[in-house]
C-alpha atoms as a PDB file:
ATOM      1  CA  UNK A   1       0.000   0.000   0.000  1.00  0.00           C
ATOM      2  CA  UNK A   2       2.888   1.624   0.799  1.00  0.00           C
ATOM      3  CA  UNK A   3       1.244   2.479   4.028  1.00  0.00           C
ATOM      4  CA  UNK A   4      -1.908   2.892   5.976  1.00  0.00           C
ATOM      5  CA  UNK A   5      -2.064   6.349   7.499  1.00  0.00           C
ATOM      6  CA  UNK A   6      -5.243   7.941   8.810  1.00  0.00           C
ATOM      7  CA  UNK A   7      -8.583   8.585   7.112  1.00  0.00           C
ATOM      8  CA  UNK A   8     -12.134   9.569   7.866  1.00  0.00           C
ATOM      9  CA  UNK A   9     -13.580   7.949   4.731  1.00  0.00           C
ATOM     10  CA  UNK A  10     -17.184   6.908   5.233  1.00  0.00           C
ATOM     11  CA  UNK A  11     -18.088   5.767   1.724  1.00  0.00           C
ATOM     12  CA  UNK A  12     -19.197   2.315   0.558  1.00  0.00           C
ATOM     13  CA  UNK A  13     -17.659  -0.652   2.289  1.00  0.00           C
ATOM     14  CA  UNK A  14     -14.654  -1.932   0.310  1.00  0.00           C
ATOM     15  CA  UNK A  15     -15.011  -5.354  -1.306  1.00  0.00           C
ATOM     16  CA  UNK A  16     -13.380  -8.301   0.422  1.00  0.00           C
ATOM     17  CA  UNK A  17     -10.125  -9.345  -1.239  1.00  0.00           C
ATOM     18  CA  UNK A  18      -9.206 -12.757  -2.534  1.00  0.00           C
ATOM     19  CA  UNK A  19      -5.759 -13.829  -1.358  1.00  0.00           C
ATOM     20  CA  UNK A  20      -3.609 -15.778  -3.811  1.00  0.00           C
ATOM     21  CA  UNK A  21      -0.056 -16.727  -2.828  1.00  0.00           C
ATOM     22  CA  UNK A  22      -0.065 -14.022  -0.172  1.00  0.00           C
ATOM     23  CA  UNK A  23      -1.232 -11.286  -2.560  1.00  0.00           C
ATOM     24  CA  UNK A  24      -4.578  -9.557  -2.024  1.00  0.00           C
ATOM     25  CA  UNK A  25      -6.685  -9.328  -5.183  1.00  0.00           C
ATOM     26  CA  UNK A  26      -9.518  -6.783  -5.137  1.00  0.00           C
ATOM     27  CA  UNK A  27     -12.030  -6.776  -7.963  1.00  0.00           C
ATOM     28  CA  UNK A  28     -13.510  -3.483  -9.134  1.00  0.00           C
ATOM     29  CA  UNK A  29     -15.818  -2.678 -12.005  1.00  0.00           C
ATOM     30  CA  UNK A  30     -13.088  -1.330 -14.269  1.00  0.00           C
ATOM     31  CA  UNK A  31      -9.893  -2.805 -12.864  1.00  0.00           C
ATOM     32  CA  UNK A  32      -8.403  -5.355 -10.508  1.00  0.00           C
ATOM     33  CA  UNK A  33      -6.039  -4.105  -7.832  1.00  0.00           C
ATOM     34  CA  UNK A  34      -3.331  -6.260  -6.271  1.00  0.00           C
ATOM     35  CA  UNK A  35      -1.602  -5.633  -2.955  1.00  0.00           C
ATOM     36  CA  UNK A  36       1.386  -7.583  -1.636  1.00  0.00           C
ATOM     37  CA  UNK A  37       1.906  -6.553   1.966  1.00  0.00           C
ATOM     38  CA  UNK A  38       5.232  -8.397   2.129  1.00  0.00           C
ATOM     39  CA  UNK A  39       6.711  -5.858  -0.275  1.00  0.00           C
ATOM     40  CA  UNK A  40       5.164  -2.714   1.186  1.00  0.00           C
ATOM     41  CA  UNK A  41       7.702  -0.179   2.514  1.00  0.00           C
ATOM     42  CA  UNK A  42       5.088   2.335   3.716  1.00  0.00           C
ATOM     43  CA  UNK A  43       5.989   5.226   1.450  1.00  0.00           C
ATOM     44  CA  UNK A  44       2.347   6.385   1.839  1.00  0.00           C
ATOM     45  CA  UNK A  45       1.738   7.510  -1.741  1.00  0.00           C
ATOM     46  CA  UNK A  46      -1.448   5.426  -1.861  1.00  0.00           C
ATOM     47  CA  UNK A  47      -3.203   6.779   1.242  1.00  0.00           C
ATOM     48  CA  UNK A  48      -2.148  10.387   0.588  1.00  0.00           C
ATOM     49  CA  UNK A  49      -2.802  10.560  -3.179  1.00  0.00           C
ATOM     50  CA  UNK A  50      -5.884   8.352  -3.227  1.00  0.00           C
ATOM     51  CA  UNK A  51      -7.492   8.345   0.242  1.00  0.00           C
ATOM     52  CA  UNK A  52     -10.875   7.389  -1.215  1.00  0.00           C
ATOM     53  CA  UNK A  53      -9.383   4.268  -2.800  1.00  0.00           C
ATOM     54  CA  UNK A  54      -6.807   3.301  -0.184  1.00  0.00           C
ATOM     55  CA  UNK A  55      -8.519   3.728   3.163  1.00  0.00           C
ATOM     56  CA  UNK A  56      -6.230   4.247   6.143  1.00  0.00           C
ATOM     57  CA  UNK A  57      -6.657   2.844   9.650  1.00  0.00           C
ATOM     58  CA  UNK A  58      -9.725   0.740   8.960  1.00  0.00           C
ATOM     59  CA  UNK A  59     -10.475  -2.742  10.185  1.00  0.00           C
ATOM     60  CA  UNK A  60     -10.793  -5.379   7.491  1.00  0.00           C
ATOM     61  CA  UNK A  61     -10.893  -4.606   3.731  1.00  0.00           C
ATOM     62  CA  UNK A  62      -9.316  -1.232   2.988  1.00  0.00           C
ATOM     63  CA  UNK A  63      -9.096  -0.907  -0.806  1.00  0.00           C
ATOM     64  CA  UNK A  64     -12.035   0.541  -2.778  1.00  0.00           C
ATOM     65  CA  UNK A  65     -10.981   0.246  -6.457  1.00  0.00           C
ATOM     66  CA  UNK A  66     -14.019   2.041  -7.926  1.00  0.00           C
ATOM     67  CA  UNK A  67     -13.707   5.243  -5.866  1.00  0.00           C
ATOM     68  CA  UNK A  68     -11.608   7.030  -8.526  1.00  0.00           C
ATOM     69  CA  UNK A  69     -11.178   6.939 -12.288  1.00  0.00           C
ATOM     70  CA  UNK A  70      -9.026   4.097 -13.628  1.00  0.00           C
ATOM     71  CA  UNK A  71      -6.348   6.498 -14.899  1.00  0.00           C
ATOM     72  CA  UNK A  72      -6.084   8.109 -11.462  1.00  0.00           C
ATOM     73  CA  UNK A  73      -5.761   4.776  -9.673  1.00  0.00           C
ATOM     74  CA  UNK A  74      -3.147   3.621 -12.195  1.00  0.00           C
ATOM     75  CA  UNK A  75      -1.121   6.793 -11.636  1.00  0.00           C
ATOM     76  CA  UNK A  76      -1.100   6.177  -7.891  1.00  0.00           C
ATOM     77  CA  UNK A  77      -0.029   2.569  -8.415  1.00  0.00           C
ATOM     78  CA  UNK A  78       2.878   3.753 -10.578  1.00  0.00           C
ATOM     79  CA  UNK A  79       4.102   5.890  -7.662  1.00  0.00           C
ATOM     80  CA  UNK A  80       4.405   2.856  -5.385  1.00  0.00           C
ATOM     81  CA  UNK A  81       8.197   2.234  -5.384  1.00  0.00           C
ATOM     82  CA  UNK A  82       8.027  -1.298  -4.027  1.00  0.00           C
ATOM     83  CA  UNK A  83       5.574  -2.749  -6.527  1.00  0.00           C
ATOM     84  CA  UNK A  84       3.335  -3.735  -3.594  1.00  0.00           C
ATOM     85  CA  UNK A  85       0.446  -2.165  -5.515  1.00  0.00           C
ATOM     86  CA  UNK A  86      -0.276  -3.367  -9.034  1.00  0.00           C
ATOM     87  CA  UNK A  87      -3.376  -3.339 -11.223  1.00  0.00           C
ATOM     88  CA  UNK A  88      -4.992  -4.854 -14.275  1.00  0.00           C
ATOM     89  CA  UNK A  89      -7.412  -2.869 -16.414  1.00  0.00           C
ATOM     90  CA  UNK A  90     -10.613  -4.427 -17.711  1.00  0.00           C
ATOM     91  CA  UNK A  91     -11.214  -1.992 -20.567  1.00  0.00           C
ATOM     92  CA  UNK A  92      -8.435  -3.277 -22.823  1.00  0.00           C
ATOM     93  CA  UNK A  93      -6.490  -0.004 -22.714  1.00  0.00           C
ATOM     94  CA  UNK A  94      -2.683   0.010 -22.260  1.00  0.00           C
ATOM     95  CA  UNK A  95      -1.428  -0.774 -18.784  1.00  0.00           C
ATOM     96  CA  UNK A  96       1.868   0.002 -17.075  1.00  0.00           C
ATOM     97  CA  UNK A  97       4.807   0.189 -19.501  1.00  0.00           C
ATOM     98  CA  UNK A  98       8.542  -0.245 -18.928  1.00  0.00           C
ATOM     99  CA  UNK A  99      10.239   3.026 -17.951  1.00  0.00           C
ATOM    100  CA  UNK A 100      12.318   4.819 -20.601  1.00  0.00           C
ATOM    101  CA  UNK A 101      15.388   4.770 -18.319  1.00  0.00           C
ATOM    102  CA  UNK A 102      16.382   1.927 -16.003  1.00  0.00           C
ATOM    103  CA  UNK A 103      17.021   3.414 -12.570  1.00  0.00           C
ATOM    104  CA  UNK A 104      18.190   2.127  -9.196  1.00  0.00           C
ATOM    105  CA  UNK A 105      17.760   4.755  -6.480  1.00  0.00           C
ATOM    106  CA  UNK A 106      19.601   4.428  -3.175  1.00  0.00           C
ATOM    107  CA  UNK A 107      17.277   5.302  -0.311  1.00  0.00           C
ATOM    108  CA  UNK A 108      18.829   6.872   2.789  1.00  0.00           C
ATOM    109  CA  UNK A 109      19.200   4.169   5.438  1.00  0.00           C
ATOM    110  CA  UNK A 110      16.980   1.911   3.354  1.00  0.00           C
ATOM    111  CA  UNK A 111      16.637  -0.258   0.253  1.00  0.00           C
ATOM    112  CA  UNK A 112      17.386   0.009  -3.439  1.00  0.00           C
ATOM    113  CA  UNK A 113      14.365   1.313  -5.353  1.00  0.00           C
ATOM    114  CA  UNK A 114      14.391  -0.209  -8.836  1.00  0.00           C
ATOM    115  CA  UNK A 115      12.399   1.013 -11.839  1.00  0.00           C
ATOM    116  CA  UNK A 116      13.082  -1.043 -14.932  1.00  0.00           C
ATOM    117  CA  UNK A 117      11.890  -3.993 -16.982  1.00  0.00           C
ATOM    118  CA  UNK A 118      13.019  -6.245 -14.128  1.00  0.00           C
ATOM    119  CA  UNK A 119      13.934  -9.854 -14.750  1.00  0.00           C
ATOM    120  CA  UNK A 120      14.505 -11.793 -11.545  1.00  0.00           C
ATOM    121  CA  UNK A 121      14.904 -15.586 -11.348  1.00  0.00           C
ATOM    122  CA  UNK A 122      11.950 -17.216  -9.660  1.00  0.00           C
ATOM    123  CA  UNK A 123       9.931 -13.987  -9.491  1.00  0.00           C
ATOM    124  CA  UNK A 124       7.453 -12.466 -11.958  1.00  0.00           C
ATOM    125  CA  UNK A 125       8.855  -9.649 -14.084  1.00  0.00           C
ATOM    126  CA  UNK A 126       7.616  -6.277 -12.915  1.00  0.00           C
ATOM    127  CA  UNK A 127       8.649  -2.656 -13.324  1.00  0.00           C
ATOM    128  CA  UNK A 128       9.013  -1.589  -9.678  1.00  0.00           C
ATOM    129  CA  UNK A 129      10.733  -3.176  -6.683  1.00  0.00           C
ATOM    130  CA  UNK A 130      12.534  -2.228  -3.485  1.00  0.00           C
ATOM    131  CA  UNK A 131      15.373  -4.605  -2.689  1.00  0.00           C
ATOM    132  CA  UNK A 132      16.993  -5.147   0.696  1.00  0.00           C
ATOM    133  CA  UNK A 133      20.482  -3.719   1.226  1.00  0.00           C
ATOM    134  CA  UNK A 134      20.693  -4.009   5.043  1.00  0.00           C
ATOM    135  CA  UNK A 135      20.860  -7.812   5.064  1.00  0.00           C
ATOM    136  CA  UNK A 136      18.060  -8.240   7.607  1.00  0.00           C
ATOM    137  CA  UNK A 137      14.923  -8.622   5.493  1.00  0.00           C
ATOM    138  CA  UNK A 138      12.899 -11.760   6.135  1.00  0.00           C
ATOM    139  CA  UNK A 139      11.559 -11.560   2.580  1.00  0.00           C
ATOM    140  CA  UNK A 140      14.839 -11.355   0.657  1.00  0.00           C
ATOM    141  CA  UNK A 141      15.618 -10.129  -1.923  1.00  0.00           C
ATOM    142  CA  UNK A 142      12.792  -7.661  -1.234  1.00  0.00           C
ATOM    143  CA  UNK A 143      12.811  -5.060   1.515  1.00  0.00           C
ATOM    144  CA  UNK A 144      10.364  -5.697   4.367  1.00  0.00           C
ATOM    145  CA  UNK A 145      11.256  -2.717   6.536  1.00  0.00           C
ATOM    146  CA  UNK A 146      13.755  -4.595   8.716  1.00  0.00           C
ATOM    147  CA  UNK A 147      16.274  -1.773   8.249  1.00  0.00           C
ATOM    148  CA  UNK A 148      14.192   0.197  10.744  1.00  0.00           C
ATOM    149  CA  UNK A 149      14.349  -2.609  13.310  1.00  0.00           C
ATOM    150  CA  UNK A 150      18.144  -2.904  13.143  1.00  0.00           C
ATOM    151  CA  UNK A 151      18.713   0.867  12.837  1.00  0.00           C
ATOM    152  CA  UNK A 152      20.579   0.373   9.576  1.00  0.00           C
ATOM    153  CA  UNK A 153      22.753   3.403   8.855  1.00  0.00           C
ATOM    154  CA  UNK A 154      23.864   3.856   5.262  1.00  0.00           C
ATOM    155  CA  UNK A 155      23.979   6.992   3.193  1.00  0.00           C
ATOM    156  CA  UNK A 156      21.772   7.532   0.202  1.00  0.00           C
ATOM    157  CA  UNK A 157      24.369   9.948  -1.178  1.00  0.00           C
ATOM    158  CA  UNK A 158      27.529   7.974  -2.047  1.00  0.00           C
ATOM    159  CA  UNK A 159      30.157   9.683  -4.222  1.00  0.00           C
ATOM    160  CA  UNK A 160      29.801   9.583  -7.993  1.00  0.00           C
ATOM    161  CA  UNK A 161      32.016   7.305 -10.030  1.00  0.00           C
ATOM    162  CA  UNK A 162      31.795   6.328 -13.696  1.00  0.00           C
ATOM    163  CA  UNK A 163      28.911   8.332 -15.134  1.00  0.00           C
ATOM    164  CA  UNK A 164      29.506   8.371 -18.905  1.00  0.00           C
ATOM    165  CA  UNK A 165      26.205   8.212 -20.804  1.00  0.00           C
ATOM    166  CA  UNK A 166      25.213   4.776 -22.060  1.00  0.00           C
ATOM    167  CA  UNK A 167      24.329   4.191 -25.737  1.00  0.00           C
ATOM    168  CA  UNK A 168      20.973   2.787 -24.541  1.00  0.00           C
ATOM    169  CA  UNK A 169      19.228   3.468 -21.251  1.00  0.00           C
ATOM    170  CA  UNK A 170      16.374   0.976 -21.172  1.00  0.00           C
ATOM    171  CA  UNK A 171      15.760  -2.697 -21.944  1.00  0.00           C
ATOM    172  CA  UNK A 172      15.562  -5.770 -19.715  1.00  0.00           C
ATOM    173  CA  UNK A 173      17.403  -5.509 -16.402  1.00  0.00           C
ATOM    174  CA  UNK A 174      18.418  -8.831 -14.895  1.00  0.00           C
ATOM    175  CA  UNK A 175      18.825  -8.928 -11.110  1.00  0.00           C
ATOM    176  CA  UNK A 176      20.287 -12.165  -9.765  1.00  0.00           C
ATOM    177  CA  UNK A 177      20.678 -12.484  -5.977  1.00  0.00           C
ATOM    178  CA  UNK A 178      23.867 -14.454  -5.454  1.00  0.00           C
ATOM    179  CA  UNK A 179      23.722 -17.141  -2.769  1.00  0.00           C
ATOM    180  CA  UNK A 180      24.986 -15.551   0.465  1.00  0.00           C
ATOM    181  CA  UNK A 181      26.329 -12.718  -1.671  1.00  0.00           C
ATOM    182  CA  UNK A 182      25.471  -9.542  -3.584  1.00  0.00           C
ATOM    183  CA  UNK A 183      22.905  -8.652  -6.218  1.00  0.00           C
ATOM    184  CA  UNK A 184      24.325  -9.206  -9.692  1.00  0.00           C
ATOM    185  CA  UNK A 185      22.775  -6.583 -11.980  1.00  0.00           C
ATOM    186  CA  UNK A 186      23.075  -6.999 -15.741  1.00  0.00           C
ATOM    187  CA  UNK A 187      21.681  -4.585 -18.310  1.00  0.00           C
ATOM    188  CA  UNK A 188      21.624  -0.871 -18.962  1.00  0.00           C
ATOM    189  CA  UNK A 189      21.260   0.864 -15.618  1.00  0.00           C
ATOM    190  CA  UNK A 190      21.766   4.205 -13.942  1.00  0.00           C
ATOM    191  CA  UNK A 191      22.366   4.184 -10.203  1.00  0.00           C
ATOM    192  CA  UNK A 192      21.242   7.381  -8.548  1.00  0.00           C
ATOM    193  CA  UNK A 193      21.402   8.905  -5.098  1.00  0.00           C
ATOM    194  CA  UNK A 194      18.328   9.729  -3.069  1.00  0.00           C
ATOM    195  CA  UNK A 195      18.562  13.338  -4.246  1.00  0.00           C
ATOM    196  CA  UNK A 196      18.637  12.280  -7.908  1.00  0.00           C
ATOM    197  CA  UNK A 197      22.377  12.694  -8.567  1.00  0.00           C
ATOM    198  CA  UNK A 198      23.930  10.081 -10.864  1.00  0.00           C
ATOM    199  CA  UNK A 199      26.233   7.771  -8.899  1.00  0.00           C
ATOM    200  CA  UNK A 200      27.172   5.394 -11.722  1.00  0.00           C
ATOM    201  CA  UNK A 201      26.106   4.116 -15.118  1.00  0.00           C
ATOM    202  CA  UNK A 202      26.957   0.739 -16.573  1.00  0.00           C
ATOM    203  CA  UNK A 203      25.798  -2.566 -17.950  1.00  0.00           C
ATOM    204  CA  UNK A 204      26.917  -4.849 -15.131  1.00  0.00           C
ATOM    205  CA  UNK A 205      27.533  -4.349 -11.434  1.00  0.00           C
ATOM    206  CA  UNK A 206      27.340  -6.113  -8.086  1.00  0.00           C
ATOM    207  CA  UNK A 207      25.395  -4.349  -5.345  1.00  0.00           C
ATOM    208  CA  UNK A 208      25.911  -5.017  -1.636  1.00  0.00           C
ATOM    209  CA  UNK A 209      22.993  -6.642   0.144  1.00  0.00           C
ATOM    210  CA  UNK A 210      24.672  -7.764   3.361  1.00  0.00           C
ATOM    211  CA  UNK A 211      24.867  -4.210   4.703  1.00  0.00           C
ATOM    212  CA  UNK A 212      28.576  -4.440   5.547  1.00  0.00           C
ATOM    213  CA  UNK A 213      30.386  -3.229   2.418  1.00  0.00           C
ATOM    214  CA  UNK A 214      32.746  -0.333   2.991  1.00  0.00           C
ATOM    215  CA  UNK A 215      32.156   0.708  -0.622  1.00  0.00           C
ATOM    216  CA  UNK A 216      28.348   0.934  -0.593  1.00  0.00           C
ATOM    217  CA  UNK A 217      26.337   0.561  -2.718  1.00  0.00           C
ATOM    218  CA  UNK A 218      28.837  -1.784  -4.346  1.00  0.00           C
ATOM    219  CA  UNK A 219      29.938  -5.162  -3.035  1.00  0.00           C
ATOM    220  CA  UNK A 220      33.498  -5.355  -1.646  1.00  0.00           C
ATOM    221  CA  UNK A 221      33.422  -8.969  -0.444  1.00  0.00           C
ATOM    222  CA  UNK A 222      32.406  -8.133   3.127  1.00  0.00           C
ATOM    223  CA  UNK A 223      29.600 -10.701   2.979  1.00  0.00           C
ATOM    224  CA  UNK A 224      32.226 -13.436   3.307  1.00  0.00           C
ATOM    225  CA  UNK A 225      33.861 -11.792   6.315  1.00  0.00           C
ATOM    226  CA  UNK A 226      30.605 -11.438   8.266  1.00  0.00           C
ATOM    227  CA  UNK A 227      29.160 -14.809   7.234  1.00  0.00           C
ATOM    228  CA  UNK A 228      26.130 -13.316   5.491  1.00  0.00           C
ATOM    229  CA  UNK A 229      23.365 -15.813   4.790  1.00  0.00           C
ATOM    230  CA  UNK A 230      20.669 -15.149   2.244  1.00  0.00           C
END
């Protein structure tokens, strides 16, 4: 949802979701909304941009898919950095498209926020994901908010390195979590700081996900020294 806040909504009661493989599926007249609470990082775009659709602090069902126009609901879903919120239109019109530039944003004290045509072994391809970089998530490779519990401290503003423009900036982006090791990223990608500054561009890199690298966001082999287990 990326987060239940507070709301005084008193409209129609939201429909009960169907849960499939841990993902809530809510049927509306014009679209189906999906919510995966395991991937939610509580960024609160849903309950602040669409409080009539995403009801905050309510008991039971909290998503009312028909409370706004389809285009408005889709726009809110696209803002969800974790991919916890997804949708499927029923009118046959185009749905979410791959972004024109593959980006990995480094969140201050938090995860990697990926926007790309993501290809991840064993997981469905999507265009948005937040991936753990503290090493503590119980839902690896995805962030589950555990960085708050362990008071993970890591800057979102590392120094810039190689930033020459790539010939192409989009296309499939493969992310392969290495066993007890880093994230191997293959494909055109721009790594950016939390403030939007370019940190690096390239076609292959290894990103730390144990939380111990002294060269964050890049892996420096520290996972072996601390006995990181994925």
